[in-house]
Amino acid sequence: MGTKLNPGEFDCYAHALPDEPMFVLLGRDPDAPGAIRDWAYRRQVKINSGLLPQSDQAVVDEAHSCAKQMELWRAQNDGKWRQ
């Protein structure tokens, strides 16, 4: 899982084309873990049906880890960003 200080293997900034649109979710967003899990579920369905390569499993696994880490971070830091 990546952070601002320690980008992960699947860091969107590192892989984005110069003018490619992107959307970033932060750990402080209470909807972020669910949105990430929804994305991971859809990606898993495509992998399982052969529409995407099995090698995409690593990014699905990282997405689930990221969602969990966001929940943990939020529990430990609730309210700190509102100051």
C-alpha atoms as a PDB file:
ATOM      1  CA  MET A   1       0.000   0.000   0.000  1.00  0.00           C
ATOM      2  CA  GLY A   2       1.313   3.425  -0.865  1.00  0.00           C
ATOM      3  CA  THR A   3       1.419   6.696   0.998  1.00  0.00           C
ATOM      4  CA  LYS A   4       2.514  10.197   0.004  1.00  0.00           C
ATOM      5  CA  LEU A   5       5.933   9.595   1.558  1.00  0.00           C
ATOM      6  CA  ASN A   6       6.250   5.982   0.428  1.00  0.00           C
ATOM      7  CA  PRO A   7       4.567   5.341  -2.952  1.00  0.00           C
ATOM      8  CA  GLY A   8       3.452   1.761  -3.517  1.00  0.00           C
ATOM      9  CA  GLU A   9       4.140  -0.570  -6.415  1.00  0.00           C
ATOM     10  CA  PHE A  10       0.904   0.468  -8.137  1.00  0.00           C
ATOM     11  CA  ASP A  11       1.250   4.220  -7.442  1.00  0.00           C
ATOM     12  CA  CYS A  12      -1.047   6.091  -9.834  1.00  0.00           C
ATOM     13  CA  TYR A  13       1.182   9.179 -10.005  1.00  0.00           C
ATOM     14  CA  ALA A  14       4.195   7.153 -11.124  1.00  0.00           C
ATOM     15  CA  HIS A  15       2.227   5.292 -13.802  1.00  0.00           C
ATOM     16  CA  ALA A  16      -0.024   8.080 -15.087  1.00  0.00           C
ATOM     17  CA  LEU A  17       0.547   9.615 -18.484  1.00  0.00           C
ATOM     18  CA  PRO A  18       1.294  13.374 -18.360  1.00  0.00           C
ATOM     19  CA  ASP A  19      -2.284  14.411 -19.193  1.00  0.00           C
ATOM     20  CA  GLU A  20      -4.151  11.340 -17.917  1.00  0.00           C
ATOM     21  CA  PRO A  21      -7.111  12.078 -15.610  1.00  0.00           C
ATOM     22  CA  MET A  22      -7.044  10.455 -12.164  1.00  0.00           C
ATOM     23  CA  PHE A  23      -9.087  10.438  -8.992  1.00  0.00           C
ATOM     24  CA  VAL A  24      -7.464  10.047  -5.572  1.00  0.00           C
ATOM     25  CA  LEU A  25      -9.165   8.837  -2.396  1.00  0.00           C
ATOM     26  CA  LEU A  26      -7.701   9.778   0.977  1.00  0.00           C
ATOM     27  CA  GLY A  27      -7.773   7.785   4.189  1.00  0.00           C
ATOM     28  CA  ARG A  28      -9.790  10.517   5.893  1.00  0.00           C
ATOM     29  CA  ASP A  29     -12.714   9.913   3.515  1.00  0.00           C
ATOM     30  CA  PRO A  30     -15.149   7.560   5.286  1.00  0.00           C
ATOM     31  CA  ASP A  31     -16.439   6.318   1.905  1.00  0.00           C
ATOM     32  CA  ALA A  32     -12.994   5.485   0.502  1.00  0.00           C
ATOM     33  CA  PRO A  33     -12.631   1.903   1.826  1.00  0.00           C
ATOM     34  CA  GLY A  34     -16.023   0.887   0.438  1.00  0.00           C
ATOM     35  CA  ALA A  35     -15.341   2.496  -2.929  1.00  0.00           C
ATOM     36  CA  ILE A  36     -12.005   0.694  -3.133  1.00  0.00           C
ATOM     37  CA  ARG A  37     -13.576  -2.635  -2.216  1.00  0.00           C
ATOM     38  CA  ASP A  38     -16.273  -2.121  -4.870  1.00  0.00           C
ATOM     39  CA  TRP A  39     -13.576  -1.475  -7.479  1.00  0.00           C
ATOM     40  CA  ALA A  40     -11.604  -4.536  -6.312  1.00  0.00           C
ATOM     41  CA  TYR A  41     -14.711  -6.720  -6.535  1.00  0.00           C
ATOM     42  CA  ARG A  42     -15.376  -5.639 -10.127  1.00  0.00           C
ATOM     43  CA  ARG A  43     -11.735  -6.215 -11.055  1.00  0.00           C
ATOM     44  CA  GLN A  44     -11.836  -9.677  -9.413  1.00  0.00           C
ATOM     45  CA  VAL A  45     -14.914 -10.647 -11.437  1.00  0.00           C
ATOM     46  CA  LYS A  46     -13.089  -9.711 -14.640  1.00  0.00           C
ATOM     47  CA  ILE A  47     -10.010 -11.706 -13.613  1.00  0.00           C
ATOM     48  CA  ASN A  48     -12.120 -14.739 -12.715  1.00  0.00           C
ATOM     49  CA  SER A  49     -13.967 -14.581 -16.041  1.00  0.00           C
ATOM     50  CA  GLY A  50     -10.750 -14.307 -18.052  1.00  0.00           C
ATOM     51  CA  LEU A  51     -11.340 -10.718 -19.198  1.00  0.00           C
ATOM     52  CA  LEU A  52      -8.224  -9.579 -17.339  1.00  0.00           C
ATOM     53  CA  PRO A  53      -4.972 -11.441 -16.734  1.00  0.00           C
ATOM     54  CA  GLN A  54      -4.342 -13.354 -13.521  1.00  0.00           C
ATOM     55  CA  SER A  55      -1.392 -10.996 -12.928  1.00  0.00           C
ATOM     56  CA  ASP A  56      -3.943  -8.277 -12.042  1.00  0.00           C
ATOM     57  CA  GLN A  57      -4.632 -10.205  -8.832  1.00  0.00           C
ATOM     58  CA  ALA A  58      -1.748  -8.357  -7.168  1.00  0.00           C
ATOM     59  CA  VAL A  59      -3.449  -4.990  -7.612  1.00  0.00           C
ATOM     60  CA  VAL A  60      -6.729  -6.423  -6.280  1.00  0.00           C
ATOM     61  CA  ASP A  61      -4.919  -7.732  -3.218  1.00  0.00           C
ATOM     62  CA  GLU A  62      -3.254  -4.353  -2.690  1.00  0.00           C
ATOM     63  CA  ALA A  63      -6.620  -2.608  -3.000  1.00  0.00           C
ATOM     64  CA  HIS A  64      -8.075  -4.752  -0.203  1.00  0.00           C
ATOM     65  CA  SER A  65      -5.001  -4.023   1.925  1.00  0.00           C
ATOM     66  CA  CYS A  66      -5.325  -0.315   1.201  1.00  0.00           C
ATOM     67  CA  ALA A  67      -8.989  -0.291   2.254  1.00  0.00           C
ATOM     68  CA  LYS A  68      -8.096  -2.003   5.540  1.00  0.00           C
ATOM     69  CA  GLN A  69      -5.170   0.368   6.157  1.00  0.00           C
ATOM     70  CA  MET A  70      -7.447   3.348   5.542  1.00  0.00           C
ATOM     71  CA  GLU A  71      -9.879   2.074   8.164  1.00  0.00           C
ATOM     72  CA  LEU A  72      -7.060   1.560  10.656  1.00  0.00           C
ATOM     73  CA  TRP A  73      -5.552   4.975   9.918  1.00  0.00           C
ATOM     74  CA  ARG A  74      -8.910   6.652  10.308  1.00  0.00           C
ATOM     75  CA  ALA A  75      -9.529   4.951  13.660  1.00  0.00           C
ATOM     76  CA  GLN A  76      -6.128   6.123  14.912  1.00  0.00           C
ATOM     77  CA  ASN A  77      -6.328   9.645  13.479  1.00  0.00           C
ATOM     78  CA  ASP A  78     -10.006  10.546  13.634  1.00  0.00           C
ATOM     79  CA  GLY A  79     -10.388  14.285  13.850  1.00  0.00           C
ATOM     80  CA  LYS A  80      -6.715  15.239  13.452  1.00  0.00           C
ATOM     81  CA  TRP A  81      -7.237  16.603   9.933  1.00  0.00           C
ATOM     82  CA  ARG A  82     -10.154  18.857  10.918  1.00  0.00           C
ATOM     83  CA  GLN A  83      -7.985  21.354  12.840  1.00  0.00           C
END
